[in-house]
């Protein structure tokens, strides 16, 4: 990803992408909303105990050297 784009350049690229998209109808938008309502799930708030356990686990991974460098993470994110 090119992070050296200005906001104006990024806006122009996004406009070009939007121009290539097919126009949508109200019926299509409503169907999409219904699909999202059916397939989306509620987020469950993590308890304090679970939060502390996750933080402790992350700290132990870092201490053991089980983490990705910024470059490794960037390479891996290209496949997402």
N, C-alpha and C. Protein backbone atom coordinates (compact mmCIF):
# COMPACT_ATOMS: atom_id res chain seq x y z
N UNK A 1 0.85 -1.18 0.00
CA UNK A 1 0.00 0.00 0.00
C UNK A 1 0.89 1.23 0.00
N UNK A 2 0.54 2.20 -0.81
CA UNK A 2 1.31 3.44 -0.91
C UNK A 2 0.80 4.44 0.12
N UNK A 3 1.57 4.67 1.17
CA UNK A 3 1.15 5.57 2.24
C UNK A 3 1.52 7.01 1.96
N UNK A 4 2.16 7.28 0.81
CA UNK A 4 2.62 8.63 0.53
C UNK A 4 1.62 9.39 -0.34
N UNK A 5 0.39 8.92 -0.45
CA UNK A 5 -0.64 9.62 -1.20
C UNK A 5 -1.22 10.74 -0.35
N UNK A 6 -1.49 11.86 -1.00
CA UNK A 6 -2.16 12.94 -0.28
C UNK A 6 -3.65 12.61 -0.19
N UNK A 7 -4.35 13.33 0.65
CA UNK A 7 -5.79 13.10 0.78
C UNK A 7 -6.49 13.41 -0.53
N UNK A 8 -6.03 14.40 -1.26
CA UNK A 8 -6.65 14.75 -2.55
C UNK A 8 -6.44 13.64 -3.57
N UNK A 9 -5.24 13.06 -3.59
CA UNK A 9 -4.97 11.96 -4.52
C UNK A 9 -5.82 10.75 -4.16
N UNK A 10 -5.92 10.47 -2.88
CA UNK A 10 -6.73 9.35 -2.43
C UNK A 10 -8.20 9.56 -2.77
N UNK A 11 -8.69 10.78 -2.58
CA UNK A 11 -10.08 11.09 -2.92
C UNK A 11 -10.34 10.91 -4.41
N UNK A 12 -9.39 11.30 -5.24
CA UNK A 12 -9.55 11.16 -6.69
C UNK A 12 -9.59 9.68 -7.08
N UNK A 13 -8.74 8.87 -6.48
CA UNK A 13 -8.74 7.43 -6.76
C UNK A 13 -10.07 6.82 -6.34
N UNK A 14 -10.58 7.23 -5.18
CA UNK A 14 -11.85 6.69 -4.69
C UNK A 14 -13.00 7.11 -5.60
N UNK A 15 -12.96 8.33 -6.14
CA UNK A 15 -14.00 8.77 -7.08
C UNK A 15 -13.99 7.90 -8.32
N UNK A 16 -12.80 7.59 -8.82
CA UNK A 16 -12.69 6.75 -10.02
C UNK A 16 -13.26 5.36 -9.75
N UNK A 17 -13.00 4.82 -8.58
CA UNK A 17 -13.52 3.50 -8.22
C UNK A 17 -15.05 3.55 -8.16
N UNK A 18 -15.59 4.59 -7.55
CA UNK A 18 -17.04 4.72 -7.44
C UNK A 18 -17.70 4.87 -8.80
N UNK A 19 -17.05 5.56 -9.72
CA UNK A 19 -17.61 5.75 -11.06
C UNK A 19 -17.72 4.43 -11.82
N UNK A 20 -16.84 3.48 -11.52
CA UNK A 20 -16.85 2.19 -12.19
C UNK A 20 -17.91 1.24 -11.64
N UNK A 21 -18.43 1.54 -10.45
CA UNK A 21 -19.42 0.66 -9.83
C UNK A 21 -20.79 0.85 -10.47
N UNK A 22 -21.54 -0.23 -10.47
CA UNK A 22 -22.92 -0.17 -10.97
C UNK A 22 -23.79 0.61 -9.98
N UNK A 23 -24.72 1.39 -10.49
CA UNK A 23 -25.63 2.09 -9.57
C UNK A 23 -26.50 1.08 -8.82
N UNK A 24 -26.91 1.46 -7.63
CA UNK A 24 -27.73 0.57 -6.82
C UNK A 24 -29.16 1.10 -6.76
N UNK A 25 -30.07 0.23 -6.38
CA UNK A 25 -31.46 0.63 -6.23
C UNK A 25 -31.84 0.55 -4.76
N UNK A 26 -32.95 1.15 -4.43
CA UNK A 26 -33.43 1.10 -3.05
C UNK A 26 -33.73 -0.33 -2.63
N UNK A 27 -34.28 -1.14 -3.55
CA UNK A 27 -34.57 -2.54 -3.22
C UNK A 27 -33.29 -3.32 -2.92
N UNK A 28 -32.25 -3.08 -3.73
CA UNK A 28 -30.98 -3.76 -3.47
C UNK A 28 -30.40 -3.35 -2.12
N UNK A 29 -30.49 -2.07 -1.81
CA UNK A 29 -29.98 -1.57 -0.53
C UNK A 29 -30.74 -2.19 0.63
N UNK A 30 -32.05 -2.28 0.51
CA UNK A 30 -32.86 -2.90 1.57
C UNK A 30 -32.51 -4.37 1.75
N UNK A 31 -32.31 -5.09 0.64
CA UNK A 31 -31.93 -6.50 0.73
C UNK A 31 -30.57 -6.65 1.41
N UNK A 32 -29.66 -5.73 1.09
CA UNK A 32 -28.34 -5.79 1.71
C UNK A 32 -28.43 -5.56 3.21
N UNK A 33 -29.27 -4.60 3.62
CA UNK A 33 -29.45 -4.33 5.05
C UNK A 33 -30.03 -5.55 5.75
N UNK A 34 -31.02 -6.18 5.14
CA UNK A 34 -31.62 -7.37 5.74
C UNK A 34 -30.59 -8.50 5.87
N UNK A 35 -29.78 -8.68 4.83
CA UNK A 35 -28.74 -9.71 4.87
C UNK A 35 -27.76 -9.43 5.99
N UNK A 36 -27.35 -8.18 6.12
CA UNK A 36 -26.41 -7.82 7.18
C UNK A 36 -27.02 -8.04 8.56
N UNK A 37 -28.29 -7.71 8.71
CA UNK A 37 -28.95 -7.92 10.00
C UNK A 37 -28.99 -9.40 10.36
N UNK A 38 -29.21 -10.25 9.36
CA UNK A 38 -29.31 -11.68 9.62
C UNK A 38 -27.94 -12.32 9.88
N UNK A 39 -26.91 -11.84 9.19
CA UNK A 39 -25.61 -12.49 9.30
C UNK A 39 -24.70 -11.85 10.34
N UNK A 40 -24.99 -10.65 10.76
CA UNK A 40 -24.15 -9.98 11.75
C UNK A 40 -24.44 -10.53 13.13
N UNK A 41 -23.44 -10.45 13.97
CA UNK A 41 -23.63 -10.93 15.33
C UNK A 41 -23.35 -9.79 16.31
N UNK A 42 -23.93 -9.90 17.47
CA UNK A 42 -23.70 -8.92 18.52
C UNK A 42 -22.31 -9.16 19.11
N UNK A 43 -21.62 -8.10 19.40
CA UNK A 43 -20.34 -8.23 20.06
C UNK A 43 -20.59 -8.42 21.55
N UNK A 44 -19.88 -9.38 22.11
CA UNK A 44 -20.01 -9.65 23.53
C UNK A 44 -18.85 -8.97 24.24
N UNK A 45 -19.18 -8.14 25.20
CA UNK A 45 -18.15 -7.41 25.93
C UNK A 45 -17.31 -8.39 26.75
N UNK A 46 -16.01 -8.21 26.66
CA UNK A 46 -15.08 -9.07 27.38
C UNK A 46 -15.06 -8.68 28.86
N UNK A 47 -15.05 -9.68 29.71
CA UNK A 47 -14.98 -9.39 31.14
C UNK A 47 -13.57 -8.93 31.48
N UNK A 48 -13.44 -8.30 32.64
CA UNK A 48 -12.13 -7.82 33.08
C UNK A 48 -11.14 -8.99 33.18
N UNK A 49 -11.61 -10.13 33.70
CA UNK A 49 -10.75 -11.30 33.85
C UNK A 49 -10.25 -11.78 32.48
N UNK A 50 -11.17 -11.88 31.51
CA UNK A 50 -10.77 -12.30 30.16
C UNK A 50 -9.78 -11.31 29.54
N UNK A 51 -10.03 -10.03 29.75
CA UNK A 51 -9.16 -8.99 29.22
C UNK A 51 -7.75 -9.12 29.78
N UNK A 52 -7.65 -9.30 31.11
CA UNK A 52 -6.35 -9.45 31.77
C UNK A 52 -5.65 -10.71 31.27
N UNK A 53 -6.41 -11.80 31.09
CA UNK A 53 -5.81 -13.04 30.59
C UNK A 53 -5.25 -12.84 29.19
N UNK A 54 -5.98 -12.13 28.33
CA UNK A 54 -5.51 -11.88 26.97
C UNK A 54 -4.25 -11.01 26.96
N UNK A 55 -4.22 -10.00 27.81
CA UNK A 55 -3.04 -9.14 27.91
C UNK A 55 -1.85 -9.95 28.42
N UNK A 56 -2.06 -10.77 29.44
CA UNK A 56 -0.97 -11.61 29.97
C UNK A 56 -0.45 -12.57 28.91
N UNK A 57 -1.36 -13.14 28.14
CA UNK A 57 -0.96 -14.05 27.07
C UNK A 57 -0.14 -13.32 26.01
N UNK A 58 -0.56 -12.11 25.64
CA UNK A 58 0.17 -11.31 24.66
C UNK A 58 1.57 -10.96 25.18
N UNK A 59 1.67 -10.61 26.45
CA UNK A 59 2.96 -10.29 27.04
C UNK A 59 3.88 -11.51 27.02
N UNK A 60 3.33 -12.68 27.35
CA UNK A 60 4.16 -13.89 27.34
C UNK A 60 4.63 -14.22 25.93
N UNK A 61 3.79 -13.98 24.92
CA UNK A 61 4.20 -14.21 23.53
C UNK A 61 5.36 -13.29 23.15
N UNK A 62 5.28 -12.04 23.56
CA UNK A 62 6.35 -11.09 23.26
C UNK A 62 7.63 -11.51 23.96
N UNK A 63 7.50 -11.89 25.24
CA UNK A 63 8.69 -12.31 26.00
C UNK A 63 9.34 -13.55 25.40
N UNK A 64 8.53 -14.43 24.80
CA UNK A 64 9.04 -15.66 24.19
C UNK A 64 9.50 -15.43 22.75
N UNK A 65 9.27 -14.23 22.23
CA UNK A 65 9.67 -13.92 20.86
C UNK A 65 8.70 -14.41 19.82
N UNK A 66 7.48 -14.72 20.22
CA UNK A 66 6.46 -15.21 19.28
C UNK A 66 5.60 -14.06 18.77
N UNK A 67 6.18 -13.23 17.94
CA UNK A 67 5.44 -12.12 17.36
C UNK A 67 6.04 -11.80 16.00
N UNK A 68 5.27 -11.09 15.18
CA UNK A 68 5.71 -10.72 13.84
C UNK A 68 6.36 -9.34 13.87
N UNK A 69 7.38 -9.18 13.06
CA UNK A 69 7.96 -7.85 12.89
C UNK A 69 6.99 -7.02 12.04
N UNK A 70 7.21 -5.73 11.98
CA UNK A 70 6.34 -4.87 11.18
C UNK A 70 6.39 -5.28 9.71
N UNK A 71 7.56 -5.65 9.21
CA UNK A 71 7.69 -6.08 7.81
C UNK A 71 6.95 -7.39 7.56
N UNK A 72 7.08 -8.34 8.51
CA UNK A 72 6.37 -9.61 8.38
C UNK A 72 4.86 -9.40 8.39
N UNK A 73 4.41 -8.54 9.27
CA UNK A 73 2.98 -8.25 9.36
C UNK A 73 2.48 -7.61 8.07
N UNK A 74 3.25 -6.71 7.50
CA UNK A 74 2.89 -6.06 6.24
C UNK A 74 2.78 -7.10 5.12
N UNK A 75 3.75 -8.02 5.04
CA UNK A 75 3.71 -9.07 4.01
C UNK A 75 2.50 -9.98 4.22
N UNK A 76 2.23 -10.33 5.45
CA UNK A 76 1.10 -11.22 5.74
C UNK A 76 -0.22 -10.54 5.43
N UNK A 77 -0.32 -9.25 5.69
CA UNK A 77 -1.58 -8.54 5.48
C UNK A 77 -1.92 -8.41 4.00
N UNK A 78 -0.95 -8.58 3.11
CA UNK A 78 -1.24 -8.53 1.67
C UNK A 78 -2.11 -9.71 1.24
N UNK A 79 -2.14 -10.78 2.02
CA UNK A 79 -2.93 -11.96 1.69
C UNK A 79 -4.32 -11.96 2.35
N UNK A 80 -4.64 -10.96 3.10
CA UNK A 80 -5.94 -10.92 3.78
C UNK A 80 -7.03 -10.60 2.83
